[in-house]
Amino acid sequence: MTEEEQRARIMDESYLEEVEGVARTELNINAVIPTSFDARVKWPACTSIKTIRDQSACGSCWAVSGASAMSDRLCVQSNGKIKKFVSDADILACCGSFCGYGYVFLSN
């Protein structure tokens, strides 16, 4: 697939609305990046980090990855006390387009 074909399949920012009073932020980080890092080792109590979700043939990567990230962040931020799996199926149900790739204009 060419870069042009990839871009045609991705929702661009023209679909997004500017939020009044919220400024864009640019970060310049001059940190040293470690040569290796394993989140499973850093946060062993967070089993969600070790879990690989299966979206099968559904175009739901946006919901699956978002739910995974939220589940991981809840656990990491609570130092392993909150171990809830955020449901990607619930996110899909709210969208209205289910396996429709998460396009905003397809949602109900």
PDB file of N, CA and C in Angstrom:
ATOM      1  N   MET A   1       0.846  -1.171   0.000  1.00  0.00           N
ATOM      2  CA  MET A   1       0.000   0.000   0.000  1.00  0.00           C
ATOM      3  C   MET A   1       0.897   1.241   0.000  1.00  0.00           C
ATOM      4  N   THR A   2       0.592   2.168  -0.866  1.00  0.00           N
ATOM      5  CA  THR A   2       1.396   3.389  -0.940  1.00  0.00           C
ATOM      6  C   THR A   2       1.029   4.333   0.201  1.00  0.00           C
ATOM      7  N   GLU A   3       1.877   5.320   0.421  1.00  0.00           N
ATOM      8  CA  GLU A   3       1.598   6.309   1.475  1.00  0.00           C
ATOM      9  C   GLU A   3       0.306   7.061   1.158  1.00  0.00           C
ATOM     10  N   GLU A   4       0.087   7.354  -0.111  1.00  0.00           N
ATOM     11  CA  GLU A   4      -1.130   8.054  -0.516  1.00  0.00           C
ATOM     12  C   GLU A   4      -2.376   7.213  -0.221  1.00  0.00           C
ATOM     13  N   GLU A   5      -2.302   5.914  -0.473  1.00  0.00           N
ATOM     14  CA  GLU A   5      -3.427   5.017  -0.181  1.00  0.00           C
ATOM     15  C   GLU A   5      -3.666   4.925   1.318  1.00  0.00           C
ATOM     16  N   GLN A   6      -2.578   4.893   2.104  1.00  0.00           N
ATOM     17  CA  GLN A   6      -2.723   4.864   3.553  1.00  0.00           C
ATOM     18  C   GLN A   6      -3.402   6.134   4.056  1.00  0.00           C
ATOM     19  N   ARG A   7      -2.961   7.272   3.568  1.00  0.00           N
ATOM     20  CA  ARG A   7      -3.547   8.550   3.992  1.00  0.00           C
ATOM     21  C   ARG A   7      -5.038   8.624   3.651  1.00  0.00           C
ATOM     22  N   ALA A   8      -5.428   8.037   2.525  1.00  0.00           N
ATOM     23  CA  ALA A   8      -6.833   8.055   2.112  1.00  0.00           C
ATOM     24  C   ALA A   8      -7.708   7.264   3.075  1.00  0.00           C
ATOM     25  N   ARG A   9      -7.139   6.306   3.767  1.00  0.00           N
ATOM     26  CA  ARG A   9      -7.902   5.458   4.686  1.00  0.00           C
ATOM     27  C   ARG A   9      -7.949   6.011   6.103  1.00  0.00           C
ATOM     28  N   ILE A  10      -7.150   7.012   6.389  1.00  0.00           N
ATOM     29  CA  ILE A  10      -7.048   7.538   7.746  1.00  0.00           C
ATOM     30  C   ILE A  10      -7.844   8.830   7.863  1.00  0.00           C
ATOM     31  N   MET A  11      -8.599   8.955   8.940  1.00  0.00           N
ATOM     32  CA  MET A  11      -9.358  10.175   9.176  1.00  0.00           C
ATOM     33  C   MET A  11      -8.388  11.306   9.487  1.00  0.00           C
ATOM     34  N   ASP A  12      -8.475  12.388   8.735  1.00  0.00           N
ATOM     35  CA  ASP A  12      -7.570  13.499   9.008  1.00  0.00           C
ATOM     36  C   ASP A  12      -8.197  14.464  10.010  1.00  0.00           C
ATOM     37  N   GLU A  13      -7.424  15.457  10.409  1.00  0.00           N
ATOM     38  CA  GLU A  13      -7.885  16.350  11.461  1.00  0.00           C
ATOM     39  C   GLU A  13      -8.957  17.326  10.994  1.00  0.00           C
ATOM     40  N   SER A  14      -9.317  17.317   9.715  1.00  0.00           N
ATOM     41  CA  SER A  14     -10.385  18.197   9.257  1.00  0.00           C
ATOM     42  C   SER A  14     -11.732  17.795   9.869  1.00  0.00           C
ATOM     43  N   TYR A  15     -11.824  16.560  10.362  1.00  0.00           N
ATOM     44  CA  TYR A  15     -13.056  16.111  11.010  1.00  0.00           C
ATOM     45  C   TYR A  15     -13.145  16.582  12.464  1.00  0.00           C
ATOM     46  N   LEU A  16     -12.045  17.038  13.016  1.00  0.00           N
ATOM     47  CA  LEU A  16     -12.014  17.439  14.415  1.00  0.00           C
ATOM     48  C   LEU A  16     -12.370  18.914  14.560  1.00  0.00           C
ATOM     49  N   GLU A  17     -12.964  19.249  15.664  1.00  0.00           N
ATOM     50  CA  GLU A  17     -13.319  20.630  15.928  1.00  0.00           C
ATOM     51  C   GLU A  17     -12.364  21.208  16.958  1.00  0.00           C
ATOM     52  N   GLU A  18     -12.004  22.469  16.775  1.00  0.00           N
ATOM     53  CA  GLU A  18     -11.181  23.161  17.758  1.00  0.00           C
ATOM     54  C   GLU A  18     -12.035  23.409  19.000  1.00  0.00           C
ATOM     55  N   VAL A  19     -11.460  23.215  20.156  1.00  0.00           N
ATOM     56  CA  VAL A  19     -12.164  23.468  21.403  1.00  0.00           C
ATOM     57  C   VAL A  19     -11.772  24.862  21.879  1.00  0.00           C
ATOM     58  N   GLU A  20     -12.779  25.704  22.044  1.00  0.00           N
ATOM     59  CA  GLU A  20     -12.517  27.088  22.432  1.00  0.00           C
ATOM     60  C   GLU A  20     -11.851  27.156  23.801  1.00  0.00           C
ATOM     61  N   GLY A  21     -10.804  27.937  23.900  1.00  0.00           N
ATOM     62  CA  GLY A  21     -10.111  28.129  25.166  1.00  0.00           C
ATOM     63  C   GLY A  21      -9.049  27.089  25.472  1.00  0.00           C
ATOM     64  N   VAL A  22      -8.878  26.115  24.588  1.00  0.00           N
ATOM     65  CA  VAL A  22      -7.864  25.084  24.806  1.00  0.00           C
ATOM     66  C   VAL A  22      -6.745  25.296  23.786  1.00  0.00           C
ATOM     67  N   ALA A  23      -5.566  25.564  24.299  1.00  0.00           N
ATOM     68  CA  ALA A  23      -4.421  25.813  23.425  1.00  0.00           C
ATOM     69  C   ALA A  23      -3.704  24.510  23.108  1.00  0.00           C
ATOM     70  N   ARG A  24      -3.108  24.445  21.938  1.00  0.00           N
ATOM     71  CA  ARG A  24      -2.278  23.291  21.580  1.00  0.00           C
ATOM     72  C   ARG A  24      -0.989  23.357  22.378  1.00  0.00           C
ATOM     73  N   THR A  25      -0.479  22.202  22.726  1.00  0.00           N
ATOM     74  CA  THR A  25       0.746  22.121  23.510  1.00  0.00           C
ATOM     75  C   THR A  25       1.816  21.397  22.723  1.00  0.00           C
ATOM     76  N   GLU A  26       3.000  21.958  22.725  1.00  0.00           N
ATOM     77  CA  GLU A  26       4.136  21.297  22.105  1.00  0.00           C
ATOM     78  C   GLU A  26       5.130  20.957  23.201  1.00  0.00           C
ATOM     79  N   LEU A  27       5.628  19.739  23.167  1.00  0.00           N
ATOM     80  CA  LEU A  27       6.588  19.285  24.161  1.00  0.00           C
ATOM     81  C   LEU A  27       7.958  19.108  23.538  1.00  0.00           C
ATOM     82  N   ASN A  28       8.944  19.598  24.213  1.00  0.00           N
ATOM     83  CA  ASN A  28      10.332  19.365  23.830  1.00  0.00           C
ATOM     84  C   ASN A  28      10.998  18.654  24.994  1.00  0.00           C
ATOM     85  N   ILE A  29      11.228  17.370  24.843  1.00  0.00           N
ATOM     86  CA  ILE A  29      11.780  16.566  25.928  1.00  0.00           C
ATOM     87  C   ILE A  29      13.214  16.187  25.579  1.00  0.00           C
ATOM     88  N   ASN A  30      14.112  16.520  26.462  1.00  0.00           N
ATOM     89  CA  ASN A  30      15.523  16.197  26.262  1.00  0.00           C
ATOM     90  C   ASN A  30      15.957  15.136  27.259  1.00  0.00           C
ATOM     91  N   ALA A  31      15.178  14.075  27.344  1.00  0.00           N
ATOM     92  CA  ALA A  31      15.472  13.000  28.292  1.00  0.00           C
ATOM     93  C   ALA A  31      16.306  11.911  27.622  1.00  0.00           C
ATOM     94  N   VAL A  32      17.028  11.182  28.439  1.00  0.00           N
ATOM     95  CA  VAL A  32      17.796  10.046  27.952  1.00  0.00           C
ATOM     96  C   VAL A  32      16.857   8.838  27.884  1.00  0.00           C
ATOM     97  N   ILE A  33      16.804   8.209  26.738  1.00  0.00           N
ATOM     98  CA  ILE A  33      15.934   7.052  26.544  1.00  0.00           C
ATOM     99  C   ILE A  33      16.726   5.797  26.896  1.00  0.00           C
ATOM    100  N   PRO A  34      16.169   4.937  27.767  1.00  0.00           N
ATOM    101  CA  PRO A  34      16.897   3.717  28.135  1.00  0.00           C
ATOM    102  C   PRO A  34      17.063   2.779  26.936  1.00  0.00           C
ATOM    103  N   THR A  35      18.081   1.956  26.982  1.00  0.00           N
ATOM    104  CA  THR A  35      18.316   1.010  25.880  1.00  0.00           C
ATOM    105  C   THR A  35      17.276  -0.096  25.855  1.00  0.00           C
ATOM    106  N   SER A  36      16.670  -0.391  26.995  1.00  0.00           N
ATOM    107  CA  SER A  36      15.596  -1.382  27.027  1.00  0.00           C
ATOM    108  C   SER A  36      14.605  -1.014  28.130  1.00  0.00           C
ATOM    109  N   PHE A  37      13.357  -1.425  27.917  1.00  0.00           N
ATOM    110  CA  PHE A  37      12.299  -1.178  28.894  1.00  0.00           C
ATOM    111  C   PHE A  37      11.220  -2.218  28.683  1.00  0.00           C
ATOM    112  N   ASP A  38      10.746  -2.817  29.763  1.00  0.00           N
ATOM    113  CA  ASP A  38       9.683  -3.814  29.701  1.00  0.00           C
ATOM    114  C   ASP A  38       8.638  -3.452  30.752  1.00  0.00           C
ATOM    115  N   ALA A  39       7.474  -2.992  30.308  1.00  0.00           N
ATOM    116  CA  ALA A  39       6.413  -2.582  31.219  1.00  0.00           C
ATOM    117  C   ALA A  39       5.941  -3.745  32.091  1.00  0.00           C
ATOM    118  N   ARG A  40       6.042  -4.970  31.578  1.00  0.00           N
ATOM    119  CA  ARG A  40       5.635  -6.141  32.367  1.00  0.00           C
ATOM    120  C   ARG A  40       6.526  -6.310  33.584  1.00  0.00           C
ATOM    121  N   VAL A  41       7.784  -5.920  33.459  1.00  0.00           N
ATOM    122  CA  VAL A  41       8.724  -6.005  34.573  1.00  0.00           C
ATOM    123  C   VAL A  41       8.533  -4.820  35.511  1.00  0.00           C
ATOM    124  N   LYS A  42       8.328  -3.631  34.943  1.00  0.00           N
ATOM    125  CA  LYS A  42       8.164  -2.410  35.728  1.00  0.00           C
ATOM    126  C   LYS A  42       6.903  -2.457  36.586  1.00  0.00           C
ATOM    127  N   TRP A  43       5.803  -2.992  36.026  1.00  0.00           N
ATOM    128  CA  TRP A  43       4.527  -3.068  36.735  1.00  0.00           C
ATOM    129  C   TRP A  43       3.995  -4.498  36.695  1.00  0.00           C
ATOM    130  N   PRO A  44       4.605  -5.429  37.430  1.00  0.00           N
ATOM    131  CA  PRO A  44       4.196  -6.843  37.359  1.00  0.00           C
ATOM    132  C   PRO A  44       2.778  -7.105  37.871  1.00  0.00           C
ATOM    133  N   ALA A  45       2.243  -6.235  38.723  1.00  0.00           N
ATOM    134  CA  ALA A  45       0.894  -6.442  39.256  1.00  0.00           C
ATOM    135  C   ALA A  45      -0.182  -6.102  38.231  1.00  0.00           C
ATOM    136  N   CYS A  46       0.196  -5.414  37.171  1.00  0.00           N
ATOM    137  CA  CYS A  46      -0.762  -4.974  36.155  1.00  0.00           C
ATOM    138  C   CYS A  46      -0.869  -6.004  35.035  1.00  0.00           C
ATOM    139  N   THR A  47      -1.758  -6.948  35.217  1.00  0.00           N
ATOM    140  CA  THR A  47      -1.896  -8.040  34.240  1.00  0.00           C
ATOM    141  C   THR A  47      -2.444  -7.560  32.905  1.00  0.00           C
ATOM    142  N   SER A  48      -3.106  -6.398  32.896  1.00  0.00           N
ATOM    143  CA  SER A  48      -3.637  -5.883  31.625  1.00  0.00           C
ATOM    144  C   SER A  48      -2.515  -5.586  30.642  1.00  0.00           C
ATOM    145  N   ILE A  49      -1.346  -5.232  31.140  1.00  0.00           N
ATOM    146  CA  ILE A  49      -0.202  -4.929  30.284  1.00  0.00           C
ATOM    147  C   ILE A  49       0.238  -6.173  29.510  1.00  0.00           C
ATOM    148  N   LYS A  50       0.052  -7.327  30.105  1.00  0.00           N
ATOM    149  CA  LYS A  50       0.476  -8.584  29.484  1.00  0.00           C
ATOM    150  C   LYS A  50      -0.591  -9.171  28.558  1.00  0.00           C
ATOM    151  N   THR A  51      -1.776  -8.570  28.564  1.00  0.00           N
ATOM    152  CA  THR A  51      -2.904  -9.119  27.819  1.00  0.00           C
ATOM    153  C   THR A  51      -2.932  -8.599  26.390  1.00  0.00           C
ATOM    154  N   ILE A  52      -3.107  -9.510  25.449  1.00  0.00           N
ATOM    155  CA  ILE A  52      -3.248  -9.138  24.038  1.00  0.00           C
ATOM    156  C   ILE A  52      -4.708  -9.370  23.661  1.00  0.00           C
ATOM    157  N   ARG A  53      -5.377  -8.307  23.294  1.00  0.00           N
ATOM    158  CA  ARG A  53      -6.783  -8.409  22.911  1.00  0.00           C
ATOM    159  C   ARG A  53      -6.905  -8.787  21.438  1.00  0.00           C
ATOM    160  N   ASP A  54      -8.013  -9.431  21.083  1.00  0.00           N
ATOM    161  CA  ASP A  54      -8.233  -9.901  19.716  1.00  0.00           C
ATOM    162  C   ASP A  54      -9.421  -9.165  19.108  1.00  0.00           C
ATOM    163  N   GLN A  55      -9.173  -8.357  18.099  1.00  0.00           N
ATOM    164  CA  GLN A  55     -10.261  -7.668  17.414  1.00  0.00           C
ATOM    165  C   GLN A  55     -10.778  -8.482  16.234  1.00  0.00           C
ATOM    166  N   SER A  56     -10.152  -9.607  15.950  1.00  0.00           N
ATOM    167  CA  SER A  56     -10.526 -10.485  14.833  1.00  0.00           C
ATOM    168  C   SER A  56     -10.614  -9.693  13.536  1.00  0.00           C
ATOM    169  N   ALA A  57     -11.688  -9.860  12.782  1.00  0.00           N
ATOM    170  CA  ALA A  57     -11.817  -9.190  11.485  1.00  0.00           C
ATOM    171  C   ALA A  57     -12.524  -7.846  11.609  1.00  0.00           C
ATOM    172  N   CYS A  58     -12.768  -7.414  12.817  1.00  0.00           N
ATOM    173  CA  CYS A  58     -13.497  -6.165  13.052  1.00  0.00           C
ATOM    174  C   CYS A  58     -12.548  -4.972  12.945  1.00  0.00           C
ATOM    175  N   GLY A  59     -12.975  -3.902  12.310  1.00  0.00           N
ATOM    176  CA  GLY A  59     -12.163  -2.685  12.198  1.00  0.00           C
ATOM    177  C   GLY A  59     -12.268  -1.853  13.450  1.00  0.00           C
ATOM    178  N   SER A  60     -11.867  -2.432  14.569  1.00  0.00           N
ATOM    179  CA  SER A  60     -12.046  -1.787  15.867  1.00  0.00           C
ATOM    180  C   SER A  60     -10.738  -1.504  16.587  1.00  0.00           C
ATOM    181  N   CYS A  61      -9.654  -1.374  15.840  1.00  0.00           N
ATOM    182  CA  CYS A  61      -8.354  -1.159  16.472  1.00  0.00           C
ATOM    183  C   CYS A  61      -8.372   0.071  17.369  1.00  0.00           C
ATOM    184  N   TRP A  62      -9.110   1.088  16.973  1.00  0.00           N
ATOM    185  CA  TRP A  62      -9.190   2.324  17.750  1.00  0.00           C
ATOM    186  C   TRP A  62      -9.830   2.074  19.124  1.00  0.00           C
ATOM    187  N   ALA A  63     -10.846   1.219  19.188  1.00  0.00           N
ATOM    188  CA  ALA A  63     -11.515   0.919  20.459  1.00  0.00           C
ATOM    189  C   ALA A  63     -10.687  -0.052  21.295  1.00  0.00           C
ATOM    190  N   VAL A  64     -10.119  -1.050  20.638  1.00  0.00           N
ATOM    191  CA  VAL A  64      -9.307  -2.054  21.344  1.00  0.00           C
ATOM    192  C   VAL A  64      -8.073  -1.404  21.943  1.00  0.00           C
ATOM    193  N   SER A  65      -7.374  -0.592  21.163  1.00  0.00           N
ATOM    194  CA  SER A  65      -6.158   0.043  21.675  1.00  0.00           C
ATOM    195  C   SER A  65      -6.484   1.082  22.744  1.00  0.00           C
ATOM    196  N   GLY A  66      -7.562   1.824  22.562  1.00  0.00           N
ATOM    197  CA  GLY A  66      -7.962   2.813  23.566  1.00  0.00           C
ATOM    198  C   GLY A  66      -8.339   2.160  24.882  1.00  0.00           C
ATOM    199  N   ALA A  67      -9.124   1.083  24.818  1.00  0.00           N
ATOM    200  CA  ALA A  67      -9.520   0.369  26.036  1.00  0.00           C
ATOM    201  C   ALA A  67      -8.302  -0.250  26.718  1.00  0.00           C
ATOM    202  N   SER A  68      -7.384  -0.771  25.919  1.00  0.00           N
ATOM    203  CA  SER A  68      -6.166  -1.355  26.487  1.00  0.00           C
ATOM    204  C   SER A  68      -5.339  -0.301  27.204  1.00  0.00           C
ATOM    205  N   ALA A  69      -5.167   0.842  26.560  1.00  0.00           N
ATOM    206  CA  ALA A  69      -4.382   1.922  27.169  1.00  0.00           C
ATOM    207  C   ALA A  69      -5.030   2.413  28.454  1.00  0.00           C
ATOM    208  N   MET A  70      -6.362   2.558  28.458  1.00  0.00           N
ATOM    209  CA  MET A  70      -7.053   3.006  29.674  1.00  0.00           C
ATOM    210  C   MET A  70      -6.903   1.983  30.795  1.00  0.00           C
ATOM    211  N   SER A  71      -7.055   0.709  30.470  1.00  0.00           N
ATOM    212  CA  SER A  71      -6.902  -0.340  31.487  1.00  0.00           C
ATOM    213  C   SER A  71      -5.498  -0.309  32.089  1.00  0.00           C
ATOM    214  N   ASP A  72      -4.495  -0.188  31.227  1.00  0.00           N
ATOM    215  CA  ASP A  72      -3.107  -0.136  31.695  1.00  0.00           C
ATOM    216  C   ASP A  72      -2.867   1.082  32.571  1.00  0.00           C
ATOM    217  N   ARG A  73      -3.347   2.256  32.135  1.00  0.00           N
ATOM    218  CA  ARG A  73      -3.114   3.495  32.883  1.00  0.00           C
ATOM    219  C   ARG A  73      -3.787   3.457  34.244  1.00  0.00           C
ATOM    220  N   LEU A  74      -5.000   2.892  34.335  1.00  0.00           N
ATOM    221  CA  LEU A  74      -5.673   2.765  35.625  1.00  0.00           C
ATOM    222  C   LEU A  74      -4.822   1.962  36.596  1.00  0.00           C
ATOM    223  N   CYS A  75      -4.285   0.870  36.122  1.00  0.00           N
ATOM    224  CA  CYS A  75      -3.479   0.001  36.969  1.00  0.00           C
ATOM    225  C   CYS A  75      -2.156   0.662  37.355  1.00  0.00           C
ATOM    226  N   VAL A  76      -1.462   1.212  36.378  1.00  0.00           N
ATOM    227  CA  VAL A  76      -0.160   1.837  36.651  1.00  0.00           C
ATOM    228  C   VAL A  76      -0.317   3.018  37.606  1.00  0.00           C
ATOM    229  N   GLN A  77      -1.292   3.884  37.332  1.00  0.00           N
ATOM    230  CA  GLN A  77      -1.475   5.083  38.155  1.00  0.00           C
ATOM    231  C   GLN A  77      -1.878   4.738  39.586  1.00  0.00           C
ATOM    232  N   SER A  78      -2.571   3.615  39.774  1.00  0.00           N
ATOM    233  CA  SER A  78      -3.002   3.215  41.117  1.00  0.00           C
ATOM    234  C   SER A  78      -1.998   2.276  41.790  1.00  0.00           C
ATOM    235  N   ASN A  79      -0.828   2.130  41.170  1.00  0.00           N
ATOM    236  CA  ASN A  79       0.191   1.211  41.697  1.00  0.00           C
ATOM    237  C   ASN A  79      -0.339  -0.210  41.862  1.00  0.00           C
ATOM    238  N   GLY A  80      -1.121  -0.662  40.907  1.00  0.00           N
ATOM    239  CA  GLY A  80      -1.608  -2.031  40.897  1.00  0.00           C
ATOM    240  C   GLY A  80      -2.853  -2.283  41.715  1.00  0.00           C
ATOM    241  N   LYS A  81      -3.452  -1.241  42.294  1.00  0.00           N
ATOM    242  CA  LYS A  81      -4.656  -1.421  43.115  1.00  0.00           C
ATOM    243  C   LYS A  81      -5.918  -1.546  42.265  1.00  0.00           C
ATOM    244  N   ILE A  82      -5.968  -0.847  41.144  1.00  0.00           N
ATOM    245  CA  ILE A  82      -7.132  -0.923  40.245  1.00  0.00           C
ATOM    246  C   ILE A  82      -6.755  -1.810  39.066  1.00  0.00           C
ATOM    247  N   LYS A  83      -7.417  -2.943  38.967  1.00  0.00           N
ATOM    248  CA  LYS A  83      -7.121  -3.911  37.898  1.00  0.00           C
ATOM    249  C   LYS A  83      -8.376  -4.195  37.086  1.00  0.00           C
ATOM    250  N   LYS A  84      -9.003  -3.140  36.597  1.00  0.00           N
ATOM    251  CA  LYS A  84     -10.225  -3.269  35.801  1.00  0.00           C
ATOM    252  C   LYS A  84      -9.876  -3.266  34.317  1.00  0.00           C
ATOM    253  N   PHE A  85     -10.514  -4.132  33.569  1.00  0.00           N
ATOM    254  CA  PHE A  85     -10.344  -4.148  32.126  1.00  0.00           C
ATOM    255  C   PHE A  85     -11.453  -3.297  31.512  1.00  0.00           C
ATOM    256  N   VAL A  86     -11.093  -2.191  30.896  1.00  0.00           N
ATOM    257  CA  VAL A  86     -12.067  -1.354  30.203  1.00  0.00           C
ATOM    258  C   VAL A  86     -12.542  -2.133  28.983  1.00  0.00           C
ATOM    259  N   SER A  87     -13.838  -2.136  28.769  1.00  0.00           N
ATOM    260  CA  SER A  87     -14.431  -2.944  27.706  1.00  0.00           C
ATOM    261  C   SER A  87     -14.376  -2.250  26.350  1.00  0.00           C
ATOM    262  N   ASP A  88     -13.665  -2.850  25.405  1.00  0.00           N
ATOM    263  CA  ASP A  88     -13.665  -2.313  24.044  1.00  0.00           C
ATOM    264  C   ASP A  88     -15.021  -2.535  23.388  1.00  0.00           C
ATOM    265  N   ALA A  89     -15.737  -3.584  23.791  1.00  0.00           N
ATOM    266  CA  ALA A  89     -17.070  -3.848  23.237  1.00  0.00           C
ATOM    267  C   ALA A  89     -18.044  -2.741  23.632  1.00  0.00           C
ATOM    268  N   ASP A  90     -17.938  -2.233  24.856  1.00  0.00           N
ATOM    269  CA  ASP A  90     -18.801  -1.128  25.280  1.00  0.00           C
ATOM    270  C   ASP A  90     -18.501   0.129  24.469  1.00  0.00           C
ATOM    271  N   ILE A  91     -17.222   0.389  24.208  1.00  0.00           N
ATOM    272  CA  ILE A  91     -16.846   1.549  23.400  1.00  0.00           C
ATOM    273  C   ILE A  91     -17.421   1.407  21.999  1.00  0.00           C
ATOM    274  N   LEU A  92     -17.327   0.217  21.429  1.00  0.00           N
ATOM    275  CA  LEU A  92     -17.876  -0.032  20.091  1.00  0.00           C
ATOM    276  C   LEU A  92     -19.388   0.169  20.065  1.00  0.00           C
ATOM    277  N   ALA A  93     -20.075  -0.279  21.109  1.00  0.00           N
ATOM    278  CA  ALA A  93     -21.525  -0.165  21.164  1.00  0.00           C
ATOM    279  C   ALA A  93     -21.972   1.298  21.212  1.00  0.00           C
ATOM    280  N   CYS A  94     -21.178   2.144  21.856  1.00  0.00           N
ATOM    281  CA  CYS A  94     -21.521   3.565  21.953  1.00  0.00           C
ATOM    282  C   CYS A  94     -21.282   4.311  20.645  1.00  0.00           C
ATOM    283  N   CYS A  95     -20.402   3.799  19.821  1.00  0.00           N
ATOM    284  CA  CYS A  95     -20.033   4.487  18.578  1.00  0.00           C
ATOM    285  C   CYS A  95     -21.151   4.448  17.560  1.00  0.00           C
ATOM    286  N   GLY A  96     -21.810   3.334  17.450  1.00  0.00           N
ATOM    287  CA  GLY A  96     -22.883   3.207  16.472  1.00  0.00           C
ATOM    288  C   GLY A  96     -22.440   2.584  15.166  1.00  0.00           C
ATOM    289  N   SER A  97     -21.140   2.640  14.860  1.00  0.00           N
ATOM    290  CA  SER A  97     -20.681   2.038  13.606  1.00  0.00           C
ATOM    291  C   SER A  97     -19.987   0.710  13.856  1.00  0.00           C
ATOM    292  N   PHE A  98     -19.887   0.309  15.111  1.00  0.00           N
ATOM    293  CA  PHE A  98     -19.298  -0.956  15.522  1.00  0.00           C
ATOM    294  C   PHE A  98     -17.948  -1.192  14.849  1.00  0.00           C
ATOM    295  N   CYS A  99     -17.897  -2.021  13.830  1.00  0.00           N
ATOM    296  CA  CYS A  99     -16.621  -2.331  13.184  1.00  0.00           C
ATOM    297  C   CYS A  99     -16.314  -1.362  12.050  1.00  0.00           C
ATOM    298  N   GLY A 100     -16.844  -0.157  12.110  1.00  0.00           N
ATOM    299  CA  GLY A 100     -16.690   0.830  11.040  1.00  0.00           C
ATOM    300  C   GLY A 100     -15.459   1.696  11.159  1.00  0.00           C
ATOM    301  N   TYR A 101     -14.426   1.191  11.794  1.00  0.00           N
ATOM    302  CA  TYR A 101     -13.122   1.843  11.841  1.00  0.00           C
ATOM    303  C   TYR A 101     -13.077   3.119  12.663  1.00  0.00           C
ATOM    304  N   GLY A 102     -14.115   3.437  13.410  1.00  0.00           N
ATOM    305  CA  GLY A 102     -14.080   4.572  14.324  1.00  0.00           C
ATOM    306  C   GLY A 102     -14.200   5.934  13.693  1.00  0.00           C
ATOM    307  N   TYR A 103     -14.681   6.007  12.475  1.00  0.00           N
ATOM    308  CA  TYR A 103     -14.843   7.314  11.840  1.00  0.00           C
ATOM    309  C   TYR A 103     -15.924   8.114  12.557  1.00  0.00           C
ATOM    310  N   VAL A 104     -15.617   9.334  12.926  1.00  0.00           N
ATOM    311  CA  VAL A 104     -16.548  10.175  13.667  1.00  0.00           C
ATOM    312  C   VAL A 104     -17.838  10.372  12.890  1.00  0.00           C
ATOM    313  N   PHE A 105     -17.751  10.585  11.599  1.00  0.00           N
ATOM    314  CA  PHE A 105     -18.945  10.867  10.804  1.00  0.00           C
ATOM    315  C   PHE A 105     -19.878   9.664  10.684  1.00  0.00           C
ATOM    316  N   LEU A 106     -19.423   8.452  11.050  1.00  0.00           N
ATOM    317  CA  LEU A 106     -20.284   7.279  11.011  1.00  0.00           C
ATOM    318  C   LEU A 106     -20.986   7.032  12.339  1.00  0.00           C
ATOM    319  N   SER A 107     -20.588   7.732  13.389  1.00  0.00           N
ATOM    320  CA  SER A 107     -21.162   7.485  14.713  1.00  0.00           C
ATOM    321  C   SER A 107     -22.562   8.081  14.806  1.00  0.00           C
ATOM    322  N   ASN A 108     -23.329   7.528  15.734  1.00  0.00           N
ATOM    323  CA  ASN A 108     -24.699   8.006  15.938  1.00  0.00           C
ATOM    324  C   ASN A 108     -24.725   9.020  17.051  1.00  0.00           C
TER     325      ASN A 108
END
